[in-house]
Amino acid sequence: LVVRGGEALVLLGPNGAGKSTLCRVAAGLLRPAAGLVRVRGGNATRDTAVARARRGVRLAPEGRGIFAGLSIDENLALQLTEPDDRDAVYARFPALAARRTVLAGSLSGGEQQLLALAPLLQRPPAVLVADEPSLGLAPRVVDEVFGLLAELRSHGTALLLVEEKAAEVLGIADTVAYLAQGEIAWSGPRAEVDRDRLADAYLGTGARR
């Protein structure tokens, strides 16, 4: 797989296909048994997660990337050390500003996801690997989250998005890949996606075309 700056690659597939494992490999949490991981042309295969992050690769894990026992402001301060950056987030998201001392774990699922993404909007990473960013969210919030991801893409971030909600996420995809039984069954431009390929991916048949 190749993910370029300012583009979104959407990885689709059924449960158990290996999507979250691929995210962990991309983020440096799991070392691959074979093959290479390159970031900006450099070999990052043996990087730790910290080293991968220093290369500009960020992971938004499944189930929200926040610290539930810390306040909103403490969560933001972990990534945005400058007060001006946090003030910019609060100006953008008034709902977070009004509750900045509240524990992040008490927020709704949608608010937690916005809190996870807000620092990235202020300081866009080179690469964002997002594992099921719409999981458990109401349709209105899903639209907002995908809008924020599209905004990151417009800032030059390379997006690797793992999703099961194919219809929604295809709206921001440049390239689509289908994962079946741990292998890429097909990849290509969004314009070439068809219902048969989508069925192959979600049935896990892994038919190559």
C-alpha atoms as a PDB file:
ATOM      1  CA  LEU A   1       0.000   0.000   0.000  1.00  0.00           C
ATOM      2  CA  VAL A   2       1.128   3.540  -0.742  1.00  0.00           C
ATOM      3  CA  VAL A   3      -0.425   6.578   0.956  1.00  0.00           C
ATOM      4  CA  ARG A   4       0.648   9.962  -0.392  1.00  0.00           C
ATOM      5  CA  GLY A   5       0.470  13.362   1.232  1.00  0.00           C
ATOM      6  CA  GLY A   6      -2.841  15.104   0.663  1.00  0.00           C
ATOM      7  CA  GLU A   7      -4.587  11.844  -0.261  1.00  0.00           C
ATOM      8  CA  ALA A   8      -6.861   9.418   1.570  1.00  0.00           C
ATOM      9  CA  LEU A   9      -6.511   5.672   1.234  1.00  0.00           C
ATOM     10  CA  VAL A  10      -9.524   3.817   2.630  1.00  0.00           C
ATOM     11  CA  LEU A  11      -9.021   0.227   3.734  1.00  0.00           C
ATOM     12  CA  LEU A  12     -12.184  -1.868   3.723  1.00  0.00           C
ATOM     13  CA  GLY A  13     -12.836  -5.431   4.788  1.00  0.00           C
ATOM     14  CA  PRO A  14     -14.852  -7.701   7.082  1.00  0.00           C
ATOM     15  CA  ASN A  15     -14.186  -8.296  10.766  1.00  0.00           C
ATOM     16  CA  GLY A  16     -11.061 -10.381  11.232  1.00  0.00           C
ATOM     17  CA  ALA A  17      -9.509  -9.413   7.908  1.00  0.00           C
ATOM     18  CA  GLY A  18      -6.498  -7.826   9.614  1.00  0.00           C
ATOM     19  CA  LYS A  19      -7.374  -4.126   9.367  1.00  0.00           C
ATOM     20  CA  SER A  20      -6.452  -3.212  12.952  1.00  0.00           C
ATOM     21  CA  THR A  21      -3.272  -5.299  12.704  1.00  0.00           C
ATOM     22  CA  LEU A  22      -2.272  -3.308   9.629  1.00  0.00           C
ATOM     23  CA  CYS A  23      -2.880  -0.071  11.563  1.00  0.00           C
ATOM     24  CA  ARG A  24      -0.625  -1.289  14.368  1.00  0.00           C
ATOM     25  CA  VAL A  25       2.108  -2.131  11.873  1.00  0.00           C
ATOM     26  CA  ALA A  26       1.794   1.286  10.237  1.00  0.00           C
ATOM     27  CA  ALA A  27       1.992   3.051  13.599  1.00  0.00           C
ATOM     28  CA  GLY A  28       4.991   1.072  14.827  1.00  0.00           C
ATOM     29  CA  LEU A  29       3.142  -0.839  17.552  1.00  0.00           C
ATOM     30  CA  LEU A  30       3.735  -4.163  15.792  1.00  0.00           C
ATOM     31  CA  ARG A  31       6.812  -5.122  13.796  1.00  0.00           C
ATOM     32  CA  PRO A  32       6.026  -6.926  10.528  1.00  0.00           C
ATOM     33  CA  ALA A  33       7.332 -10.456  10.004  1.00  0.00           C
ATOM     34  CA  ALA A  34       8.323  -9.522   6.452  1.00  0.00           C
ATOM     35  CA  GLY A  35       8.320  -6.538   4.139  1.00  0.00           C
ATOM     36  CA  LEU A  36       9.155  -2.883   4.709  1.00  0.00           C
ATOM     37  CA  VAL A  37       7.461   0.176   6.151  1.00  0.00           C
ATOM     38  CA  ARG A  38       8.694   3.426   4.618  1.00  0.00           C
ATOM     39  CA  VAL A  39       7.907   6.940   5.778  1.00  0.00           C
ATOM     40  CA  ARG A  40       8.848   9.834   3.498  1.00  0.00           C
ATOM     41  CA  GLY A  41      11.095   7.465   1.592  1.00  0.00           C
ATOM     42  CA  GLY A  42      13.044   6.315   4.653  1.00  0.00           C
ATOM     43  CA  ASN A  43      13.021   2.774   6.032  1.00  0.00           C
ATOM     44  CA  ALA A  44      10.993   2.894   9.257  1.00  0.00           C
ATOM     45  CA  THR A  45      10.392  -0.858   9.598  1.00  0.00           C
ATOM     46  CA  ARG A  46      12.343  -1.251  12.824  1.00  0.00           C
ATOM     47  CA  ASP A  47      11.079   1.960  14.413  1.00  0.00           C
ATOM     48  CA  THR A  48       9.407   1.889  17.787  1.00  0.00           C
ATOM     49  CA  ALA A  49       6.037   3.605  18.028  1.00  0.00           C
ATOM     50  CA  VAL A  50       7.761   6.681  19.482  1.00  0.00           C
ATOM     51  CA  ALA A  51      10.278   6.819  16.644  1.00  0.00           C
ATOM     52  CA  ARG A  52       7.479   6.393  14.108  1.00  0.00           C
ATOM     53  CA  ALA A  53       5.590   9.265  15.738  1.00  0.00           C
ATOM     54  CA  ARG A  54       8.701  11.450  15.485  1.00  0.00           C
ATOM     55  CA  ARG A  55       8.649  10.810  11.750  1.00  0.00           C
ATOM     56  CA  GLY A  56       5.168  12.340  11.721  1.00  0.00           C
ATOM     57  CA  VAL A  57       3.002   9.207  11.846  1.00  0.00           C
ATOM     58  CA  ARG A  58       0.051   9.414  14.226  1.00  0.00           C
ATOM     59  CA  LEU A  59      -2.475   6.734  15.170  1.00  0.00           C
ATOM     60  CA  ALA A  60      -6.112   7.418  16.029  1.00  0.00           C
ATOM     61  CA  PRO A  61      -6.947   4.008  17.498  1.00  0.00           C
ATOM     62  CA  GLU A  62     -10.279   2.237  17.514  1.00  0.00           C
ATOM     63  CA  GLY A  63     -12.274   3.281  20.558  1.00  0.00           C
ATOM     64  CA  ARG A  64     -10.994   6.907  20.822  1.00  0.00           C
ATOM     65  CA  GLY A  65      -7.434   8.081  21.334  1.00  0.00           C
ATOM     66  CA  ILE A  66      -7.894   9.935  24.622  1.00  0.00           C
ATOM     67  CA  PHE A  67      -7.032   9.549  28.300  1.00  0.00           C
ATOM     68  CA  ALA A  68     -10.388   9.076  29.986  1.00  0.00           C
ATOM     69  CA  GLY A  69      -9.084   9.906  33.482  1.00  0.00           C
ATOM     70  CA  LEU A  70      -7.690  13.290  32.441  1.00  0.00           C
ATOM     71  CA  SER A  71      -9.628  16.470  31.793  1.00  0.00           C
ATOM     72  CA  ILE A  72     -10.217  17.888  28.338  1.00  0.00           C
ATOM     73  CA  ASP A  73      -7.552  20.520  28.951  1.00  0.00           C
ATOM     74  CA  GLU A  74      -5.039  17.942  30.219  1.00  0.00           C
ATOM     75  CA  ASN A  75      -5.627  15.779  27.158  1.00  0.00           C
ATOM     76  CA  LEU A  76      -4.977  18.725  24.870  1.00  0.00           C
ATOM     77  CA  ALA A  77      -1.898  19.814  26.833  1.00  0.00           C
ATOM     78  CA  LEU A  78      -0.262  16.431  26.238  1.00  0.00           C
ATOM     79  CA  GLN A  79      -0.128  17.208  22.515  1.00  0.00           C
ATOM     80  CA  LEU A  80      -0.376  20.991  22.392  1.00  0.00           C
ATOM     81  CA  THR A  81       2.116  22.441  24.844  1.00  0.00           C
ATOM     82  CA  GLU A  82       1.572  26.042  23.762  1.00  0.00           C
ATOM     83  CA  PRO A  83      -1.466  27.760  25.354  1.00  0.00           C
ATOM     84  CA  ASP A  84      -2.161  29.595  22.085  1.00  0.00           C
ATOM     85  CA  ASP A  85      -2.630  26.259  20.318  1.00  0.00           C
ATOM     86  CA  ARG A  86      -5.108  25.087  22.934  1.00  0.00           C
ATOM     87  CA  ASP A  87      -6.950  28.406  22.730  1.00  0.00           C
ATOM     88  CA  ALA A  88      -7.276  27.901  18.977  1.00  0.00           C
ATOM     89  CA  VAL A  89      -8.849  24.489  19.573  1.00  0.00           C
ATOM     90  CA  TYR A  90     -11.317  25.958  22.055  1.00  0.00           C
ATOM     91  CA  ALA A  91     -12.230  28.705  19.596  1.00  0.00           C
ATOM     92  CA  ARG A  92     -12.905  26.050  16.969  1.00  0.00           C
ATOM     93  CA  PHE A  93     -14.829  23.724  19.311  1.00  0.00           C
ATOM     94  CA  PRO A  94     -16.852  25.784  21.834  1.00  0.00           C
ATOM     95  CA  ALA A  95     -18.418  22.640  23.317  1.00  0.00           C
ATOM     96  CA  LEU A  96     -14.975  21.533  24.469  1.00  0.00           C
ATOM     97  CA  ALA A  97     -14.136  25.001  25.762  1.00  0.00           C
ATOM     98  CA  ALA A  98     -17.217  25.081  27.961  1.00  0.00           C
ATOM     99  CA  ARG A  99     -16.212  21.813  29.643  1.00  0.00           C
ATOM    100  CA  ARG A 100     -12.432  22.038  29.635  1.00  0.00           C
ATOM    101  CA  THR A 101     -12.098  20.862  33.270  1.00  0.00           C
ATOM    102  CA  VAL A 102     -14.434  17.869  32.782  1.00  0.00           C
ATOM    103  CA  LEU A 103     -12.938  14.376  32.645  1.00  0.00           C
ATOM    104  CA  ALA A 104     -12.685  13.195  29.045  1.00  0.00           C
ATOM    105  CA  GLY A 105     -14.212   9.838  29.962  1.00  0.00           C
ATOM    106  CA  SER A 106     -17.503  11.532  30.794  1.00  0.00           C
ATOM    107  CA  LEU A 107     -17.905  12.972  27.299  1.00  0.00           C
ATOM    108  CA  SER A 108     -20.154  11.447  24.661  1.00  0.00           C
ATOM    109  CA  GLY A 109     -18.560   9.246  22.021  1.00  0.00           C
ATOM    110  CA  GLY A 110     -18.759  12.047  19.496  1.00  0.00           C
ATOM    111  CA  GLU A 111     -17.169  14.575  21.844  1.00  0.00           C
ATOM    112  CA  GLN A 112     -14.380  12.126  22.644  1.00  0.00           C
ATOM    113  CA  GLN A 113     -13.625  11.632  18.965  1.00  0.00           C
ATOM    114  CA  LEU A 114     -13.560  15.389  18.382  1.00  0.00           C
ATOM    115  CA  LEU A 115     -11.175  15.742  21.334  1.00  0.00           C
ATOM    116  CA  ALA A 116      -8.928  13.081  19.807  1.00  0.00           C
ATOM    117  CA  LEU A 117      -8.863  14.824  16.416  1.00  0.00           C
ATOM    118  CA  ALA A 118      -8.714  18.451  17.583  1.00  0.00           C
ATOM    119  CA  PRO A 119      -4.940  18.558  18.312  1.00  0.00           C
ATOM    120  CA  LEU A 120      -4.225  17.020  14.912  1.00  0.00           C
ATOM    121  CA  LEU A 121      -6.143  19.799  13.176  1.00  0.00           C
ATOM    122  CA  GLN A 122      -4.035  22.366  14.986  1.00  0.00           C
ATOM    123  CA  ARG A 123      -0.769  20.539  14.230  1.00  0.00           C
ATOM    124  CA  PRO A 124      -1.417  18.323  11.183  1.00  0.00           C
ATOM    125  CA  PRO A 125       0.749  15.171  11.110  1.00  0.00           C
ATOM    126  CA  ALA A 126       2.489  13.856   8.006  1.00  0.00           C
ATOM    127  CA  VAL A 127       0.459  10.652   8.214  1.00  0.00           C
ATOM    128  CA  LEU A 128      -2.699   9.826  10.151  1.00  0.00           C
ATOM    129  CA  VAL A 129      -3.715   6.198  10.589  1.00  0.00           C
ATOM    130  CA  ALA A 130      -7.340   6.168  11.772  1.00  0.00           C
ATOM    131  CA  ASP A 131      -8.873   2.859  12.844  1.00  0.00           C
ATOM    132  CA  GLU A 132     -12.677   2.959  12.699  1.00  0.00           C
ATOM    133  CA  PRO A 133     -13.032   6.709  13.397  1.00  0.00           C
ATOM    134  CA  SER A 134     -16.834   6.506  13.054  1.00  0.00           C
ATOM    135  CA  LEU A 135     -17.295   3.565  15.438  1.00  0.00           C
ATOM    136  CA  GLY A 136     -20.307   4.049  17.710  1.00  0.00           C
ATOM    137  CA  LEU A 137     -21.060   7.588  16.546  1.00  0.00           C
ATOM    138  CA  ALA A 138     -24.430   9.074  15.605  1.00  0.00           C
ATOM    139  CA  PRO A 139     -24.865   9.825  11.873  1.00  0.00           C
ATOM    140  CA  ARG A 140     -24.592  13.589  12.398  1.00  0.00           C
ATOM    141  CA  VAL A 141     -21.309  13.203  14.257  1.00  0.00           C
ATOM    142  CA  VAL A 142     -20.010  10.762  11.632  1.00  0.00           C
ATOM    143  CA  ASP A 143     -20.463  13.467   9.005  1.00  0.00           C
ATOM    144  CA  GLU A 144     -18.569  15.954  11.181  1.00  0.00           C
ATOM    145  CA  VAL A 145     -15.698  13.528  11.804  1.00  0.00           C
ATOM    146  CA  PHE A 146     -15.329  12.749   8.102  1.00  0.00           C
ATOM    147  CA  GLY A 147     -15.396  16.476   7.407  1.00  0.00           C
ATOM    148  CA  LEU A 148     -12.512  16.984   9.833  1.00  0.00           C
ATOM    149  CA  LEU A 149     -10.566  14.152   8.209  1.00  0.00           C
ATOM    150  CA  ALA A 150     -11.095  15.737   4.798  1.00  0.00           C
ATOM    151  CA  GLU A 151      -9.785  19.005   6.247  1.00  0.00           C
ATOM    152  CA  LEU A 152      -6.628  17.234   7.428  1.00  0.00           C
ATOM    153  CA  ARG A 153      -6.164  15.846   3.941  1.00  0.00           C
ATOM    154  CA  SER A 154      -6.426  19.365   2.528  1.00  0.00           C
ATOM    155  CA  HIS A 155      -3.543  20.387   4.814  1.00  0.00           C
ATOM    156  CA  GLY A 156      -1.331  17.750   3.188  1.00  0.00           C
ATOM    157  CA  THR A 157      -1.730  14.889   5.665  1.00  0.00           C
ATOM    158  CA  ALA A 158      -1.661  11.403   4.194  1.00  0.00           C
ATOM    159  CA  LEU A 159      -4.701   9.536   5.532  1.00  0.00           C
ATOM    160  CA  LEU A 160      -4.944   5.780   5.993  1.00  0.00           C
ATOM    161  CA  LEU A 161      -8.531   5.171   7.079  1.00  0.00           C
ATOM    162  CA  VAL A 162      -9.900   1.828   8.196  1.00  0.00           C
ATOM    163  CA  GLU A 163     -13.678   1.652   8.054  1.00  0.00           C
ATOM    164  CA  GLU A 164     -16.615  -0.717   7.901  1.00  0.00           C
ATOM    165  CA  LYS A 165     -19.065   2.052   6.917  1.00  0.00           C
ATOM    166  CA  ALA A 166     -18.083   1.938   3.262  1.00  0.00           C
ATOM    167  CA  ALA A 167     -20.752   4.273   1.902  1.00  0.00           C
ATOM    168  CA  GLU A 168     -19.833   7.160   4.196  1.00  0.00           C
ATOM    169  CA  VAL A 169     -16.048   6.957   4.010  1.00  0.00           C
ATOM    170  CA  LEU A 170     -15.876   6.529   0.235  1.00  0.00           C
ATOM    171  CA  GLY A 171     -16.912  10.174  -0.032  1.00  0.00           C
ATOM    172  CA  ILE A 172     -13.402  11.297   0.984  1.00  0.00           C
ATOM    173  CA  ALA A 173     -11.401   8.406  -0.518  1.00  0.00           C
ATOM    174  CA  ASP A 174      -8.876   8.856  -3.303  1.00  0.00           C
ATOM    175  CA  THR A 175      -7.790   5.222  -3.288  1.00  0.00           C
ATOM    176  CA  VAL A 176      -9.574   2.148  -1.952  1.00  0.00           C
ATOM    177  CA  ALA A 177      -8.077  -1.178  -0.884  1.00  0.00           C
ATOM    178  CA  TYR A 178      -9.919  -4.334   0.142  1.00  0.00           C
ATOM    179  CA  LEU A 179      -8.365  -6.546   2.794  1.00  0.00           C
ATOM    180  CA  ALA A 180      -9.461 -10.191   2.992  1.00  0.00           C
ATOM    181  CA  GLN A 181      -7.878 -12.877   5.165  1.00  0.00           C
ATOM    182  CA  GLY A 182      -4.820 -10.759   5.811  1.00  0.00           C
ATOM    183  CA  GLU A 183      -4.076  -9.922   2.183  1.00  0.00           C
ATOM    184  CA  ILE A 184      -4.912  -7.048  -0.130  1.00  0.00           C
ATOM    185  CA  ALA A 185      -7.557  -8.498  -2.443  1.00  0.00           C
ATOM    186  CA  TRP A 186      -7.765  -5.397  -4.628  1.00  0.00           C
ATOM    187  CA  SER A 187      -6.700  -1.761  -4.612  1.00  0.00           C
ATOM    188  CA  GLY A 188      -7.309   1.078  -7.028  1.00  0.00           C
ATOM    189  CA  PRO A 189      -8.899   4.493  -7.542  1.00  0.00           C
ATOM    190  CA  ARG A 190     -12.271   5.168  -5.951  1.00  0.00           C
ATOM    191  CA  ALA A 191     -13.783   5.552  -9.432  1.00  0.00           C
ATOM    192  CA  GLU A 192     -13.094   1.867 -10.097  1.00  0.00           C
ATOM    193  CA  VAL A 193     -14.917   0.570  -7.030  1.00  0.00           C
ATOM    194  CA  ASP A 194     -17.911  -1.595  -7.884  1.00  0.00           C
ATOM    195  CA  ARG A 195     -20.481  -3.603  -5.950  1.00  0.00           C
ATOM    196  CA  ASP A 196     -18.954  -6.953  -6.853  1.00  0.00           C
ATOM    197  CA  ARG A 197     -15.568  -5.964  -5.437  1.00  0.00           C
ATOM    198  CA  LEU A 198     -17.242  -4.609  -2.318  1.00  0.00           C
ATOM    199  CA  ALA A 199     -19.141  -7.884  -1.865  1.00  0.00           C
ATOM    200  CA  ASP A 200     -15.921  -9.862  -2.348  1.00  0.00           C
ATOM    201  CA  ALA A 201     -14.224  -7.845   0.358  1.00  0.00           C
ATOM    202  CA  TYR A 202     -16.993  -8.133   2.921  1.00  0.00           C
ATOM    203  CA  LEU A 203     -17.641 -11.808   2.282  1.00  0.00           C
ATOM    204  CA  GLY A 204     -13.945 -12.428   2.701  1.00  0.00           C
ATOM    205  CA  THR A 205     -13.586 -14.244  -0.608  1.00  0.00           C
ATOM    206  CA  GLY A 206     -10.542 -12.169  -1.596  1.00  0.00           C
ATOM    207  CA  ALA A 207     -11.183 -12.581  -5.331  1.00  0.00           C
ATOM    208  CA  ARG A 208      -8.487 -10.869  -7.373  1.00  0.00           C
ATOM    209  CA  ARG A 209      -9.524  -8.864 -10.398  1.00  0.00           C
END
